[in-house]
Amino acid sequence: MSVGHYENFPVASVLLPAPLRWPVAVIYRFARTADDLADEGDASSAERLARLDAYRTALDGIATGRPSNEPLFRDLARVIADHRLPIRLFHDLLDAFAQDVVKQRYGTFAELLDYCRKSANPIGRLLLHLFGAATPPNERRSDAICSALQLTNFWQDLAIDWSKGRVYIPQEDLARFRVSETQIGASDTRGGFAELMLFEIGRARTMLESGAPLATELPGRSGFELRMIVHGGLRVLEKLEVARGDVFRSRPVLRPGDWVMMLFRAARMHRSAPAM
């Protein structure tokens, strides 16, 4: 696992049971390509939204038994049918990508979490369906993990997102800690910047730890995969905390030594025990 965007989630990892690697790879391919339509290249906003609408039409074709002949949607139709995956979760992802095209600021944390509900949580829920473990308690914990990983990615990529014209730190938090967007643009960590980032890091950690027990409930390799994901997110948060949120000079990434630490911590996780 690397901590990027959808790279926050398992992508046909060797830790996954072999029969699930191809379905996970297909889901990832859908999410990645759709996200790129919204985020990459020089297309206009109208063109991006039109391309995402074409993906919606293709999903509707799958739902009505008339899948597109395009390889991605042909494969996706098979995965959805074989594992009885809810089509609405794929639509949620498309809604989040479309939102990225037209919305660059979030007023409140609740508003940001609603974005995470569409951009991140569907991936975890789809995986639970693949694992045959999509119970309401598991879905709640999965949502906590996925939203926390999305938030971790936002804090980690503060400078990168600024270069794209986006600020995911809620406006109410910027005001509370008296941090201006001008500071972000100038890579200025003076004033309340460190306190702001430590506050956001703490939020993400609390959320991630609240969902972590799911990783000890899932059996075998699927559970171990999730434990690695949880500890990867926690490790990035540790690095962010040590840097006091200064991602301008050193964006935290997972290095070989971190993987060893994650393996050790994942192996030590016990049922119903805290992640750390």
C-alpha atoms as a PDB file:
ATOM      1  CA  MET A   1       0.000   0.000   0.000  1.00  0.00           C
ATOM      2  CA  SER A   2       1.125   3.478  -0.767  1.00  0.00           C
ATOM      3  CA  VAL A   3      -0.734   6.514   0.465  1.00  0.00           C
ATOM      4  CA  GLY A   4      -1.879   8.512  -2.492  1.00  0.00           C
ATOM      5  CA  HIS A   5      -5.472   8.916  -3.607  1.00  0.00           C
ATOM      6  CA  TYR A   6      -7.085   5.591  -4.419  1.00  0.00           C
ATOM      7  CA  GLU A   7      -3.682   4.171  -3.568  1.00  0.00           C
ATOM      8  CA  ASN A   8      -4.936   4.491   0.009  1.00  0.00           C
ATOM      9  CA  PHE A   9      -6.793   1.268  -0.688  1.00  0.00           C
ATOM     10  CA  PRO A  10      -5.646  -2.225  -1.651  1.00  0.00           C
ATOM     11  CA  VAL A  11      -5.104  -2.630  -5.376  1.00  0.00           C
ATOM     12  CA  ALA A  12      -4.988  -6.356  -6.135  1.00  0.00           C
ATOM     13  CA  SER A  13      -2.360  -6.765  -3.426  1.00  0.00           C
ATOM     14  CA  VAL A  14      -0.640 -10.128  -3.057  1.00  0.00           C
ATOM     15  CA  LEU A  15      -2.092 -10.150   0.470  1.00  0.00           C
ATOM     16  CA  LEU A  16      -5.607 -10.458  -0.943  1.00  0.00           C
ATOM     17  CA  PRO A  17      -7.088 -13.903  -1.660  1.00  0.00           C
ATOM     18  CA  ALA A  18      -6.286 -14.688  -5.289  1.00  0.00           C
ATOM     19  CA  PRO A  19      -9.949 -14.859  -6.477  1.00  0.00           C
ATOM     20  CA  LEU A  20     -10.477 -11.263  -5.339  1.00  0.00           C
ATOM     21  CA  ARG A  21      -7.459  -9.654  -6.983  1.00  0.00           C
ATOM     22  CA  TRP A  22      -9.021  -9.252 -10.414  1.00  0.00           C
ATOM     23  CA  PRO A  23     -12.348  -7.828  -9.107  1.00  0.00           C
ATOM     24  CA  VAL A  24     -10.455  -5.349  -6.921  1.00  0.00           C
ATOM     25  CA  ALA A  25      -8.279  -4.348  -9.877  1.00  0.00           C
ATOM     26  CA  VAL A  26     -11.383  -3.727 -12.017  1.00  0.00           C
ATOM     27  CA  ILE A  27     -12.986  -1.561  -9.320  1.00  0.00           C
ATOM     28  CA  TYR A  28      -9.743   0.371  -8.959  1.00  0.00           C
ATOM     29  CA  ARG A  29      -9.516   0.834 -12.725  1.00  0.00           C
ATOM     30  CA  PHE A  30     -13.021   2.300 -12.800  1.00  0.00           C
ATOM     31  CA  ALA A  31     -12.264   4.672  -9.920  1.00  0.00           C
ATOM     32  CA  ARG A  32      -8.856   5.699 -11.231  1.00  0.00           C
ATOM     33  CA  THR A  33      -9.925   6.365 -14.814  1.00  0.00           C
ATOM     34  CA  ALA A  34     -13.050   8.255 -13.757  1.00  0.00           C
ATOM     35  CA  ASP A  35     -11.028  10.330 -11.297  1.00  0.00           C
ATOM     36  CA  ASP A  36      -8.532  11.144 -14.047  1.00  0.00           C
ATOM     37  CA  LEU A  37     -11.389  12.388 -16.247  1.00  0.00           C
ATOM     38  CA  ALA A  38     -12.201  14.906 -13.528  1.00  0.00           C
ATOM     39  CA  ASP A  39      -8.664  15.819 -12.582  1.00  0.00           C
ATOM     40  CA  GLU A  40      -6.103  15.314 -15.345  1.00  0.00           C
ATOM     41  CA  GLY A  41      -5.354  17.013 -18.647  1.00  0.00           C
ATOM     42  CA  ASP A  42      -6.485  20.353 -20.058  1.00  0.00           C
ATOM     43  CA  ALA A  43     -10.170  19.675 -20.717  1.00  0.00           C
ATOM     44  CA  SER A  44     -12.734  22.303 -19.758  1.00  0.00           C
ATOM     45  CA  SER A  45     -15.064  21.769 -16.818  1.00  0.00           C
ATOM     46  CA  ALA A  46     -17.939  21.148 -19.218  1.00  0.00           C
ATOM     47  CA  GLU A  47     -15.946  18.492 -21.065  1.00  0.00           C
ATOM     48  CA  ARG A  48     -14.972  16.776 -17.817  1.00  0.00           C
ATOM     49  CA  LEU A  49     -18.564  16.656 -16.624  1.00  0.00           C
ATOM     50  CA  ALA A  50     -19.714  15.312 -19.997  1.00  0.00           C
ATOM     51  CA  ARG A  51     -17.169  12.487 -19.816  1.00  0.00           C
ATOM     52  CA  LEU A  52     -18.319  11.604 -16.308  1.00  0.00           C
ATOM     53  CA  ASP A  53     -21.905  11.591 -17.592  1.00  0.00           C
ATOM     54  CA  ALA A  54     -20.810   9.031 -20.185  1.00  0.00           C
ATOM     55  CA  TYR A  55     -19.594   6.839 -17.313  1.00  0.00           C
ATOM     56  CA  ARG A  56     -23.005   7.237 -15.647  1.00  0.00           C
ATOM     57  CA  THR A  57     -24.695   6.146 -18.856  1.00  0.00           C
ATOM     58  CA  ALA A  58     -22.433   3.097 -18.988  1.00  0.00           C
ATOM     59  CA  LEU A  59     -23.378   2.227 -15.399  1.00  0.00           C
ATOM     60  CA  ASP A  60     -27.045   2.565 -16.299  1.00  0.00           C
ATOM     61  CA  GLY A  61     -26.417   0.139 -19.153  1.00  0.00           C
ATOM     62  CA  ILE A  62     -25.003  -2.389 -16.706  1.00  0.00           C
ATOM     63  CA  ALA A  63     -28.000  -1.927 -14.407  1.00  0.00           C
ATOM     64  CA  THR A  64     -30.441  -2.596 -17.257  1.00  0.00           C
ATOM     65  CA  GLY A  65     -28.547  -5.587 -18.630  1.00  0.00           C
ATOM     66  CA  ARG A  66     -27.108  -3.749 -21.628  1.00  0.00           C
ATOM     67  CA  PRO A  67     -23.440  -3.217 -20.744  1.00  0.00           C
ATOM     68  CA  SER A  68     -21.102  -1.279 -22.992  1.00  0.00           C
ATOM     69  CA  ASN A  69     -18.685  -3.194 -25.186  1.00  0.00           C
ATOM     70  CA  GLU A  70     -15.795  -1.140 -23.812  1.00  0.00           C
ATOM     71  CA  PRO A  71     -13.392  -3.463 -21.945  1.00  0.00           C
ATOM     72  CA  LEU A  72     -13.633  -1.559 -18.661  1.00  0.00           C
ATOM     73  CA  PHE A  73     -17.417  -1.684 -18.484  1.00  0.00           C
ATOM     74  CA  ARG A  74     -17.589  -5.227 -19.823  1.00  0.00           C
ATOM     75  CA  ASP A  75     -15.283  -6.300 -16.985  1.00  0.00           C
ATOM     76  CA  LEU A  76     -17.149  -4.155 -14.471  1.00  0.00           C
ATOM     77  CA  ALA A  77     -20.492  -5.686 -15.489  1.00  0.00           C
ATOM     78  CA  ARG A  78     -19.066  -9.139 -14.817  1.00  0.00           C
ATOM     79  CA  VAL A  79     -17.690  -8.151 -11.410  1.00  0.00           C
ATOM     80  CA  ILE A  80     -20.952  -6.456 -10.392  1.00  0.00           C
ATOM     81  CA  ALA A  81     -22.994  -9.497 -11.454  1.00  0.00           C
ATOM     82  CA  ASP A  82     -20.679 -12.103  -9.928  1.00  0.00           C
ATOM     83  CA  HIS A  83     -20.487 -10.353  -6.554  1.00  0.00           C
ATOM     84  CA  ARG A  84     -23.868  -8.582  -6.482  1.00  0.00           C
ATOM     85  CA  LEU A  85     -22.273  -5.180  -5.972  1.00  0.00           C
ATOM     86  CA  PRO A  86     -24.586  -2.183  -5.461  1.00  0.00           C
ATOM     87  CA  ILE A  87     -24.483   0.052  -8.541  1.00  0.00           C
ATOM     88  CA  ARG A  88     -25.265   3.103  -6.380  1.00  0.00           C
ATOM     89  CA  LEU A  89     -21.767   2.940  -4.843  1.00  0.00           C
ATOM     90  CA  PHE A  90     -20.224   3.477  -8.280  1.00  0.00           C
ATOM     91  CA  HIS A  91     -22.599   6.391  -8.865  1.00  0.00           C
ATOM     92  CA  ASP A  92     -21.483   7.890  -5.551  1.00  0.00           C
ATOM     93  CA  LEU A  93     -17.891   7.849  -6.788  1.00  0.00           C
ATOM     94  CA  LEU A  94     -18.881   9.636  -9.977  1.00  0.00           C
ATOM     95  CA  ASP A  95     -20.779  12.235  -7.953  1.00  0.00           C
ATOM     96  CA  ALA A  96     -17.612  12.918  -5.939  1.00  0.00           C
ATOM     97  CA  PHE A  97     -15.484  13.277  -9.058  1.00  0.00           C
ATOM     98  CA  ALA A  98     -18.000  15.668 -10.582  1.00  0.00           C
ATOM     99  CA  GLN A  99     -17.977  17.642  -7.340  1.00  0.00           C
ATOM    100  CA  ASP A 100     -14.210  18.029  -7.659  1.00  0.00           C
ATOM    101  CA  VAL A 101     -14.754  19.741 -10.996  1.00  0.00           C
ATOM    102  CA  VAL A 102     -17.068  22.428  -9.616  1.00  0.00           C
ATOM    103  CA  LYS A 103     -16.214  22.750  -5.912  1.00  0.00           C
ATOM    104  CA  GLN A 104     -12.825  23.783  -4.536  1.00  0.00           C
ATOM    105  CA  ARG A 105     -13.671  24.843  -0.942  1.00  0.00           C
ATOM    106  CA  TYR A 106     -15.537  23.327   2.006  1.00  0.00           C
ATOM    107  CA  GLY A 107     -17.111  25.522   4.639  1.00  0.00           C
ATOM    108  CA  THR A 108     -17.464  22.982   7.443  1.00  0.00           C
ATOM    109  CA  PHE A 109     -16.034  19.644   8.507  1.00  0.00           C
ATOM    110  CA  ALA A 110     -19.488  18.071   8.104  1.00  0.00           C
ATOM    111  CA  GLU A 111     -19.499  19.243   4.487  1.00  0.00           C
ATOM    112  CA  LEU A 112     -16.075  17.683   3.933  1.00  0.00           C
ATOM    113  CA  LEU A 113     -17.192  14.397   5.485  1.00  0.00           C
ATOM    114  CA  ASP A 114     -20.132  14.312   3.091  1.00  0.00           C
ATOM    115  CA  TYR A 115     -17.625  14.524   0.247  1.00  0.00           C
ATOM    116  CA  CYS A 116     -15.660  11.632   1.812  1.00  0.00           C
ATOM    117  CA  ARG A 117     -18.914   9.659   1.984  1.00  0.00           C
ATOM    118  CA  LYS A 118     -18.994   9.739  -1.819  1.00  0.00           C
ATOM    119  CA  SER A 119     -15.289   9.814  -2.704  1.00  0.00           C
ATOM    120  CA  ALA A 120     -13.824   7.242  -0.300  1.00  0.00           C
ATOM    121  CA  ASN A 121     -16.425   5.251   1.599  1.00  0.00           C
ATOM    122  CA  PRO A 122     -17.846   3.458  -1.476  1.00  0.00           C
ATOM    123  CA  ILE A 123     -14.492   1.743  -2.037  1.00  0.00           C
ATOM    124  CA  GLY A 124     -14.518   0.213   1.444  1.00  0.00           C
ATOM    125  CA  ARG A 125     -18.132  -0.859   1.120  1.00  0.00           C
ATOM    126  CA  LEU A 126     -17.468  -2.483  -2.247  1.00  0.00           C
ATOM    127  CA  LEU A 127     -14.590  -4.424  -0.714  1.00  0.00           C
ATOM    128  CA  LEU A 128     -16.831  -5.585   2.119  1.00  0.00           C
ATOM    129  CA  HIS A 129     -19.264  -6.924  -0.469  1.00  0.00           C
ATOM    130  CA  LEU A 130     -16.408  -8.774  -2.163  1.00  0.00           C
ATOM    131  CA  PHE A 131     -15.391 -10.227   1.210  1.00  0.00           C
ATOM    132  CA  GLY A 132     -18.982 -11.250   1.993  1.00  0.00           C
ATOM    133  CA  ALA A 133     -18.867  -9.050   5.101  1.00  0.00           C
ATOM    134  CA  ALA A 134     -21.144  -6.094   4.275  1.00  0.00           C
ATOM    135  CA  THR A 135     -23.007  -5.909   7.592  1.00  0.00           C
ATOM    136  CA  PRO A 136     -24.137  -2.537   9.009  1.00  0.00           C
ATOM    137  CA  PRO A 137     -21.531  -2.579  11.847  1.00  0.00           C
ATOM    138  CA  ASN A 138     -18.758  -3.445   9.392  1.00  0.00           C
ATOM    139  CA  GLU A 139     -19.913  -0.725   7.003  1.00  0.00           C
ATOM    140  CA  ARG A 140     -19.794   1.883   9.771  1.00  0.00           C
ATOM    141  CA  ARG A 141     -16.234   0.918  10.672  1.00  0.00           C
ATOM    142  CA  SER A 142     -15.218   0.765   7.028  1.00  0.00           C
ATOM    143  CA  ASP A 143     -16.625   4.261   6.491  1.00  0.00           C
ATOM    144  CA  ALA A 144     -14.541   5.541   9.419  1.00  0.00           C
ATOM    145  CA  ILE A 145     -11.366   3.991   7.982  1.00  0.00           C
ATOM    146  CA  CYS A 146     -11.987   5.218   4.436  1.00  0.00           C
ATOM    147  CA  SER A 147     -12.949   8.757   5.431  1.00  0.00           C
ATOM    148  CA  ALA A 148      -9.917   8.954   7.715  1.00  0.00           C
ATOM    149  CA  LEU A 149      -7.618   7.832   4.917  1.00  0.00           C
ATOM    150  CA  GLN A 150      -9.147  10.427   2.606  1.00  0.00           C
ATOM    151  CA  LEU A 151      -8.602  13.132   5.225  1.00  0.00           C
ATOM    152  CA  THR A 152      -5.025  11.930   5.743  1.00  0.00           C
ATOM    153  CA  ASN A 153      -4.470  12.296   2.021  1.00  0.00           C
ATOM    154  CA  PHE A 154      -5.889  15.832   2.098  1.00  0.00           C
ATOM    155  CA  TRP A 155      -3.538  16.910   4.900  1.00  0.00           C
ATOM    156  CA  GLN A 156      -0.600  15.139   3.214  1.00  0.00           C
ATOM    157  CA  ASP A 157      -1.341  16.801  -0.147  1.00  0.00           C
ATOM    158  CA  LEU A 158      -2.169  20.301   1.075  1.00  0.00           C
ATOM    159  CA  ALA A 159       0.467  21.895  -1.175  1.00  0.00           C
ATOM    160  CA  ILE A 160      -0.380  19.715  -4.181  1.00  0.00           C
ATOM    161  CA  ASP A 161      -4.081  20.494  -3.911  1.00  0.00           C
ATOM    162  CA  TRP A 162      -3.321  24.217  -3.582  1.00  0.00           C
ATOM    163  CA  SER A 163      -1.498  24.048  -6.921  1.00  0.00           C
ATOM    164  CA  LYS A 164      -4.762  22.712  -8.413  1.00  0.00           C
ATOM    165  CA  GLY A 165      -6.778  25.521  -6.859  1.00  0.00           C
ATOM    166  CA  ARG A 166      -8.272  23.388  -4.091  1.00  0.00           C
ATOM    167  CA  VAL A 167      -8.284  23.705  -0.317  1.00  0.00           C
ATOM    168  CA  TYR A 168      -9.808  20.804   1.584  1.00  0.00           C
ATOM    169  CA  ILE A 169      -9.165  22.153   5.081  1.00  0.00           C
ATOM    170  CA  PRO A 170     -12.579  23.464   6.153  1.00  0.00           C
ATOM    171  CA  GLN A 171     -12.939  27.220   6.004  1.00  0.00           C
ATOM    172  CA  GLU A 172     -14.292  27.232   9.560  1.00  0.00           C
ATOM    173  CA  ASP A 173     -11.029  25.690  10.774  1.00  0.00           C
ATOM    174  CA  LEU A 174      -8.879  28.161   8.872  1.00  0.00           C
ATOM    175  CA  ALA A 175     -10.812  30.960  10.555  1.00  0.00           C
ATOM    176  CA  ARG A 176     -10.620  29.336  13.997  1.00  0.00           C
ATOM    177  CA  PHE A 177      -6.837  29.030  13.876  1.00  0.00           C
ATOM    178  CA  ARG A 178      -6.376  32.309  11.991  1.00  0.00           C
ATOM    179  CA  VAL A 179      -4.637  30.726   9.032  1.00  0.00           C
ATOM    180  CA  SER A 180      -5.180  32.353   5.649  1.00  0.00           C
ATOM    181  CA  GLU A 181      -5.130  30.765   2.225  1.00  0.00           C
ATOM    182  CA  THR A 182      -2.392  33.245   1.384  1.00  0.00           C
ATOM    183  CA  GLN A 183      -0.223  31.448   3.949  1.00  0.00           C
ATOM    184  CA  ILE A 184      -0.854  28.121   2.272  1.00  0.00           C
ATOM    185  CA  GLY A 185       0.080  29.580  -1.088  1.00  0.00           C
ATOM    186  CA  ALA A 186       3.280  31.028   0.385  1.00  0.00           C
ATOM    187  CA  SER A 187       4.202  27.810   2.273  1.00  0.00           C
ATOM    188  CA  ASP A 188       4.076  29.902   5.435  1.00  0.00           C
ATOM    189  CA  THR A 189       3.824  27.832   8.637  1.00  0.00           C
ATOM    190  CA  ARG A 190       3.862  30.716  11.083  1.00  0.00           C
ATOM    191  CA  GLY A 191       1.072  31.706  13.455  1.00  0.00           C
ATOM    192  CA  GLY A 192      -1.576  29.064  14.035  1.00  0.00           C
ATOM    193  CA  PHE A 193      -0.609  26.830  11.114  1.00  0.00           C
ATOM    194  CA  ALA A 194       0.976  24.045  13.190  1.00  0.00           C
ATOM    195  CA  GLU A 195      -1.920  24.039  15.661  1.00  0.00           C
ATOM    196  CA  LEU A 196      -4.382  23.842  12.767  1.00  0.00           C
ATOM    197  CA  MET A 197      -2.605  20.882  11.206  1.00  0.00           C
ATOM    198  CA  LEU A 198      -2.212  19.051  14.536  1.00  0.00           C
ATOM    199  CA  PHE A 199      -5.944  19.512  15.101  1.00  0.00           C
ATOM    200  CA  GLU A 200      -6.773  18.029  11.688  1.00  0.00           C
ATOM    201  CA  ILE A 201      -4.248  15.203  12.155  1.00  0.00           C
ATOM    202  CA  GLY A 202      -5.861  14.335  15.480  1.00  0.00           C
ATOM    203  CA  ARG A 203      -9.290  14.221  13.866  1.00  0.00           C
ATOM    204  CA  ALA A 204      -8.137  11.805  11.198  1.00  0.00           C
ATOM    205  CA  ARG A 205      -6.334   9.605  13.728  1.00  0.00           C
ATOM    206  CA  THR A 206      -9.356   9.365  16.030  1.00  0.00           C
ATOM    207  CA  MET A 207     -11.556   8.389  13.104  1.00  0.00           C
ATOM    208  CA  LEU A 208      -9.067   5.824  11.801  1.00  0.00           C
ATOM    209  CA  GLU A 209      -8.653   4.221  15.215  1.00  0.00           C
ATOM    210  CA  SER A 210     -12.424   4.045  15.654  1.00  0.00           C
ATOM    211  CA  GLY A 211     -12.713   1.921  12.522  1.00  0.00           C
ATOM    212  CA  ALA A 212      -9.571  -0.153  13.131  1.00  0.00           C
ATOM    213  CA  PRO A 213     -11.330  -3.027  14.965  1.00  0.00           C
ATOM    214  CA  LEU A 214     -12.794  -4.031  11.601  1.00  0.00           C
ATOM    215  CA  ALA A 215      -9.308  -5.147  10.599  1.00  0.00           C
ATOM    216  CA  THR A 216      -9.323  -7.733  13.392  1.00  0.00           C
ATOM    217  CA  GLU A 217     -12.841  -8.917  12.563  1.00  0.00           C
ATOM    218  CA  LEU A 218     -12.140  -9.818   8.932  1.00  0.00           C
ATOM    219  CA  PRO A 219     -10.472 -13.216   8.642  1.00  0.00           C
ATOM    220  CA  GLY A 220      -7.244 -14.342   7.017  1.00  0.00           C
ATOM    221  CA  ARG A 221      -5.444 -12.417   4.323  1.00  0.00           C
ATOM    222  CA  SER A 222      -8.254  -9.902   3.828  1.00  0.00           C
ATOM    223  CA  GLY A 223      -8.005  -8.906   7.475  1.00  0.00           C
ATOM    224  CA  PHE A 224      -4.237  -8.640   7.326  1.00  0.00           C
ATOM    225  CA  GLU A 225      -4.474  -6.492   4.193  1.00  0.00           C
ATOM    226  CA  LEU A 226      -6.781  -4.118   6.057  1.00  0.00           C
ATOM    227  CA  ARG A 227      -4.475  -4.050   9.085  1.00  0.00           C
ATOM    228  CA  MET A 228      -1.645  -2.979   6.811  1.00  0.00           C
ATOM    229  CA  ILE A 229      -3.832  -0.223   5.360  1.00  0.00           C
ATOM    230  CA  VAL A 230      -4.792   1.046   8.812  1.00  0.00           C
ATOM    231  CA  HIS A 231      -1.192   1.114   9.970  1.00  0.00           C
ATOM    232  CA  GLY A 232      -0.064   2.760   6.756  1.00  0.00           C
ATOM    233  CA  GLY A 233      -2.511   5.586   7.391  1.00  0.00           C
ATOM    234  CA  LEU A 234      -1.454   5.856  11.025  1.00  0.00           C
ATOM    235  CA  ARG A 235       2.203   5.955  10.024  1.00  0.00           C
ATOM    236  CA  VAL A 236       1.620   8.840   7.618  1.00  0.00           C
ATOM    237  CA  LEU A 237      -0.247  10.679  10.376  1.00  0.00           C
ATOM    238  CA  GLU A 238       2.716  10.105  12.711  1.00  0.00           C
ATOM    239  CA  LYS A 239       5.050  11.645  10.172  1.00  0.00           C
ATOM    240  CA  LEU A 240       2.719  14.577   9.640  1.00  0.00           C
ATOM    241  CA  GLU A 241       2.585  15.121  13.393  1.00  0.00           C
ATOM    242  CA  VAL A 242       6.372  15.036  13.781  1.00  0.00           C
ATOM    243  CA  ALA A 243       6.637  17.630  11.008  1.00  0.00           C
ATOM    244  CA  ARG A 244       3.885  19.663  12.715  1.00  0.00           C
ATOM    245  CA  GLY A 245       2.011  19.624   9.432  1.00  0.00           C
ATOM    246  CA  ASP A 246       4.783  21.235   7.388  1.00  0.00           C
ATOM    247  CA  VAL A 247       4.140  19.397   4.133  1.00  0.00           C
ATOM    248  CA  PHE A 248       5.734  22.200   2.145  1.00  0.00           C
ATOM    249  CA  ARG A 249       9.268  21.156   2.999  1.00  0.00           C
ATOM    250  CA  SER A 250       8.742  17.434   3.424  1.00  0.00           C
ATOM    251  CA  ARG A 251       5.678  15.573   2.167  1.00  0.00           C
ATOM    252  CA  PRO A 252       5.486  12.351   4.211  1.00  0.00           C
ATOM    253  CA  VAL A 253       5.757   9.108   2.258  1.00  0.00           C
ATOM    254  CA  LEU A 254       6.117   5.482   3.304  1.00  0.00           C
ATOM    255  CA  ARG A 255       9.654   4.165   2.977  1.00  0.00           C
ATOM    256  CA  PRO A 256      11.024   0.601   3.354  1.00  0.00           C
ATOM    257  CA  GLY A 257      11.604   1.032   7.076  1.00  0.00           C
ATOM    258  CA  ASP A 258       7.988   2.148   7.497  1.00  0.00           C
ATOM    259  CA  TRP A 259       6.782  -1.020   5.799  1.00  0.00           C
ATOM    260  CA  VAL A 260       8.720  -3.106   8.291  1.00  0.00           C
ATOM    261  CA  MET A 261       7.123  -1.153  11.136  1.00  0.00           C
ATOM    262  CA  MET A 262       3.671  -1.578   9.593  1.00  0.00           C
ATOM    263  CA  LEU A 263       4.146  -5.336   9.235  1.00  0.00           C
ATOM    264  CA  PHE A 264       5.214  -5.609  12.870  1.00  0.00           C
ATOM    265  CA  ARG A 265       2.288  -3.527  14.105  1.00  0.00           C
ATOM    266  CA  ALA A 266      -0.229  -5.324  11.885  1.00  0.00           C
ATOM    267  CA  ALA A 267       0.978  -8.697  13.151  1.00  0.00           C
ATOM    268  CA  ARG A 268       0.536  -7.550  16.745  1.00  0.00           C
ATOM    269  CA  MET A 269      -3.051  -6.348  16.335  1.00  0.00           C
ATOM    270  CA  HIS A 270      -5.487  -8.420  18.330  1.00  0.00           C
ATOM    271  CA  ARG A 271      -9.232  -8.738  18.232  1.00  0.00           C
ATOM    272  CA  SER A 272     -10.942  -5.607  19.605  1.00  0.00           C
ATOM    273  CA  ALA A 273      -7.547  -4.103  20.530  1.00  0.00           C
ATOM    274  CA  PRO A 274      -6.674  -0.513  19.577  1.00  0.00           C
ATOM    275  CA  ALA A 275      -4.622  -0.050  16.416  1.00  0.00           C
ATOM    276  CA  MET A 276      -1.626   1.306  18.254  1.00  0.00           C
END
